[in-house]
Amino acid sequence: MTLRTIFISFLISISSFSLAASEKALSETLASPHHLLMMRHADAPGYSDPTGFDLNNCASQRNLGANGKKQAAELGAWLKTQGITQAKLLSSPWCRCMETAKLLNVGDVLSENALGSFFENRADGKEQTLLLEKKIKQEISSPNRRPLILVTHQVNIQAYTGESVSSGQMILVKVSANGQYLSHRLIKYP
């Protein structure tokens, strides 16, 4: 064996170990009651919802396009490679969020009003964020806890964490026992 072959083998083993450690780290971190994933819905072409949209009528809303559906399915497959095969998924009642959460395919999806968009009514942001904190507190105190994934909107994530995220982007959030934001880091995925 040449020195070059040994060196390349060494680099491959280190990168494999590093990848396995990071995969294990995300699922183990989410096993902690003080961590959750927040995700902005996948790509939905356009800007805002049409005037007069109805939450009970997906045809009246801005929805996922073909790229968004593909993006959500790929994110779900990626989560599984990270060891997250069964999660508790809470979603904004907007159709683009519900569809994103379902396409992740890592658990049943529950609609949660505290994750609903306040893009059109920014004055509701503070109250909506307080409702979200209460919901998170309730979820993290559950004795039968699975990894918690919240699928919501950019305005909600920014109000809660201060981070502006792109479509389909996820952040790992550390929270207090009261559901209040403590810190976060952006999740990088292929």
Protein backbone atom coordinates (compact mmCIF):
# COMPACT_ATOMS: atom_id res chain seq x y z
CA MET A 1 0.00 0.00 0.00
CA THR A 2 1.38 3.39 -0.92
CA LEU A 3 1.46 6.33 1.42
CA ARG A 4 -1.06 8.12 -0.82
CA THR A 5 -3.53 5.17 -0.60
CA ILE A 6 -3.17 5.09 3.17
CA PHE A 7 -3.75 8.84 3.38
CA ILE A 8 -6.86 8.69 1.15
CA SER A 9 -8.23 5.76 3.18
CA PHE A 10 -7.61 7.78 6.34
CA LEU A 11 -9.47 10.80 4.95
CA ILE A 12 -12.42 8.64 3.89
CA SER A 13 -12.65 7.03 7.32
CA ILE A 14 -12.53 10.43 9.05
CA SER A 15 -15.22 11.89 6.78
CA SER A 16 -17.41 8.79 7.26
CA PHE A 17 -16.97 9.04 11.02
CA SER A 18 -17.71 12.77 10.94
CA LEU A 19 -20.84 12.22 8.83
CA ALA A 20 -22.07 9.45 11.14
CA ALA A 21 -21.39 11.64 14.18
CA SER A 22 -23.32 14.56 12.72
CA GLU A 23 -26.24 12.29 11.75
CA LYS A 24 -26.33 10.84 15.23
CA ALA A 25 -25.96 14.28 16.76
CA LEU A 26 -29.12 15.69 15.11
CA SER A 27 -31.38 12.79 16.12
CA GLU A 28 -29.87 12.72 19.62
CA THR A 29 -30.21 16.48 19.98
CA LEU A 30 -33.87 16.30 18.94
CA ALA A 31 -34.41 13.57 21.53
CA SER A 32 -33.78 16.27 24.12
CA PRO A 33 -36.95 18.04 25.23
CA HIS A 34 -35.22 21.39 24.81
CA HIS A 35 -34.64 21.16 21.05
CA LEU A 36 -36.90 21.22 18.01
CA LEU A 37 -36.73 21.79 14.29
CA MET A 38 -38.51 24.76 12.74
CA MET A 39 -38.95 24.66 9.02
CA ARG A 40 -40.29 27.10 6.48
CA HIS A 41 -42.67 25.47 4.02
CA ALA A 42 -41.13 24.25 0.78
CA ASP A 43 -41.07 26.34 -2.38
CA ALA A 44 -44.45 27.90 -3.18
CA PRO A 45 -44.26 30.20 -6.22
CA GLY A 46 -45.48 33.74 -5.79
CA TYR A 47 -45.60 36.22 -2.97
CA SER A 48 -48.18 36.21 -0.18
CA ASP A 49 -51.65 34.77 -0.60
CA PRO A 50 -54.25 36.07 -3.05
CA THR A 51 -56.70 38.63 -1.70
CA GLY A 52 -59.67 36.91 -0.08
CA PHE A 53 -57.98 33.51 0.30
CA ASP A 54 -59.75 30.91 2.45
CA LEU A 55 -57.85 28.58 4.80
CA ASN A 56 -60.44 25.88 4.08
CA ASN A 57 -59.91 26.12 0.32
CA CYS A 58 -56.43 25.25 -0.94
CA ALA A 59 -57.33 26.46 -4.43
CA SER A 60 -57.63 30.00 -3.04
CA GLN A 61 -54.10 29.98 -1.52
CA ARG A 62 -50.52 30.10 -2.73
CA ASN A 63 -49.47 26.44 -2.85
CA LEU A 64 -46.42 24.29 -3.42
CA GLY A 65 -45.27 23.99 -7.00
CA ALA A 66 -43.61 20.91 -8.50
CA ASN A 67 -40.21 22.04 -7.17
CA GLY A 68 -41.66 22.56 -3.69
CA LYS A 69 -43.20 19.09 -3.63
CA LYS A 70 -39.90 17.57 -4.72
CA GLN A 71 -38.01 19.68 -2.18
CA ALA A 72 -40.27 18.55 0.69
CA ALA A 73 -39.95 14.86 -0.25
CA GLU A 74 -36.16 15.20 -0.49
CA LEU A 75 -36.03 16.91 2.92
CA GLY A 76 -38.02 14.04 4.40
CA ALA A 77 -35.62 11.49 2.87
CA TRP A 78 -32.70 13.50 4.25
CA LEU A 79 -34.26 13.59 7.75
CA LYS A 80 -34.50 9.79 7.65
CA THR A 81 -30.77 9.56 6.88
CA GLN A 82 -30.28 11.65 10.02
CA GLY A 83 -32.11 9.04 12.10
CA ILE A 84 -35.41 10.94 12.26
CA THR A 85 -37.95 8.39 11.06
CA GLN A 86 -40.83 9.19 13.43
CA ALA A 87 -41.44 12.76 14.54
CA LYS A 88 -44.28 14.84 15.90
CA LEU A 89 -45.17 17.21 13.08
CA LEU A 90 -47.11 20.37 13.83
CA SER A 91 -47.99 22.56 10.87
CA SER A 92 -49.50 25.90 10.11
CA PRO A 93 -53.02 25.31 8.76
CA TRP A 94 -52.02 26.94 5.42
CA CYS A 95 -52.11 24.30 2.67
CA ARG A 96 -48.49 24.85 1.60
CA CYS A 97 -47.30 24.08 5.13
CA MET A 98 -49.60 21.09 5.62
CA GLU A 99 -48.49 19.62 2.28
CA THR A 100 -44.82 20.20 3.11
CA ALA A 101 -45.23 18.44 6.46
CA LYS A 102 -47.06 15.49 4.88
CA LEU A 103 -44.45 15.11 2.13
CA LEU A 104 -41.70 14.87 4.77
CA ASN A 105 -43.25 11.48 5.54
CA VAL A 106 -41.83 11.18 9.05
CA GLY A 107 -45.07 11.15 11.04
CA ASP A 108 -48.68 12.21 11.22
CA VAL A 109 -49.29 15.92 10.74
CA LEU A 110 -51.38 18.01 13.11
CA SER A 111 -52.63 21.46 12.18
CA GLU A 112 -51.61 24.10 14.72
CA ASN A 113 -53.05 27.62 14.68
CA ALA A 114 -50.09 28.98 16.68
CA LEU A 115 -47.98 28.35 13.55
CA GLY A 116 -50.36 30.23 11.23
CA SER A 117 -48.99 33.10 9.17
CA PHE A 118 -49.42 36.69 10.28
CA PHE A 119 -47.78 38.07 7.14
CA GLU A 120 -50.89 40.06 6.23
CA ASN A 121 -51.43 41.21 9.85
CA ARG A 122 -47.96 41.94 11.24
CA ALA A 123 -49.48 43.53 14.34
CA ASP A 124 -50.53 39.99 15.40
CA GLY A 125 -46.91 38.82 15.48
CA LYS A 126 -46.24 39.31 19.18
CA GLU A 127 -49.45 37.61 20.28
CA GLN A 128 -48.93 34.77 17.79
CA THR A 129 -45.38 34.22 19.06
CA LEU A 130 -46.62 34.05 22.66
CA LEU A 131 -49.15 31.40 21.58
CA LEU A 132 -46.32 29.49 19.92
CA GLU A 133 -44.25 29.60 23.12
CA LYS A 134 -47.19 28.15 25.07
CA LYS A 135 -47.64 25.39 22.50
CA ILE A 136 -43.94 24.53 22.56
CA LYS A 137 -44.00 24.42 26.37
CA GLN A 138 -46.91 22.00 26.20
CA GLU A 139 -45.18 19.80 23.61
CA ILE A 140 -41.79 19.60 25.29
CA SER A 141 -43.34 18.66 28.63
CA SER A 142 -45.08 15.64 27.09
CA PRO A 143 -43.78 12.38 28.61
CA ASN A 144 -44.04 10.45 25.32
CA ARG A 145 -41.87 12.77 23.33
CA ARG A 146 -40.71 12.23 19.77
CA PRO A 147 -38.58 14.71 17.81
CA LEU A 148 -40.66 17.84 17.30
CA ILE A 149 -40.81 19.47 13.85
CA LEU A 150 -42.75 22.70 13.31
CA VAL A 151 -43.60 23.62 9.71
CA THR A 152 -44.52 27.26 9.39
CA HIS A 153 -43.83 30.53 7.59
CA GLN A 154 -40.85 32.83 7.29
CA VAL A 155 -42.51 35.59 9.37
CA ASN A 156 -43.21 33.17 12.23
CA ILE A 157 -39.68 31.82 12.29
CA GLN A 158 -38.20 35.31 12.15
CA ALA A 159 -40.45 36.56 14.96
CA TYR A 160 -39.54 33.60 17.18
CA THR A 161 -35.81 33.25 16.41
CA GLY A 162 -34.75 36.45 14.64
CA GLU A 163 -33.58 34.36 11.64
CA SER A 164 -34.85 34.92 8.12
CA VAL A 165 -35.01 31.61 6.25
CA SER A 166 -35.55 30.50 2.67
CA SER A 167 -38.23 28.10 1.46
CA GLY A 168 -37.62 24.63 2.85
CA GLN A 169 -34.87 25.77 5.19
CA MET A 170 -34.70 24.25 8.67
CA ILE A 171 -33.23 25.51 11.89
CA LEU A 172 -32.46 23.61 15.06
CA VAL A 173 -33.85 25.63 17.96
CA LYS A 174 -32.95 25.35 21.62
CA VAL A 175 -35.82 26.37 23.93
CA SER A 176 -36.35 26.91 27.64
CA ALA A 177 -38.72 24.80 29.74
CA ASN A 178 -41.28 27.60 29.18
CA GLY A 179 -41.03 27.24 25.40
CA GLN A 180 -39.06 30.45 24.98
CA TYR A 181 -36.35 30.76 22.35
CA LEU A 182 -32.75 30.45 23.61
CA SER A 183 -30.60 29.87 20.52
CA HIS A 184 -30.55 28.26 17.10
CA ARG A 185 -28.40 27.05 14.25
CA LEU A 186 -29.19 26.65 10.59
CA ILE A 187 -29.35 23.06 9.39
CA LYS A 188 -27.28 22.32 6.31
CA TYR A 189 -28.49 19.52 4.11
CA PRO A 190 -27.56 18.40 0.60
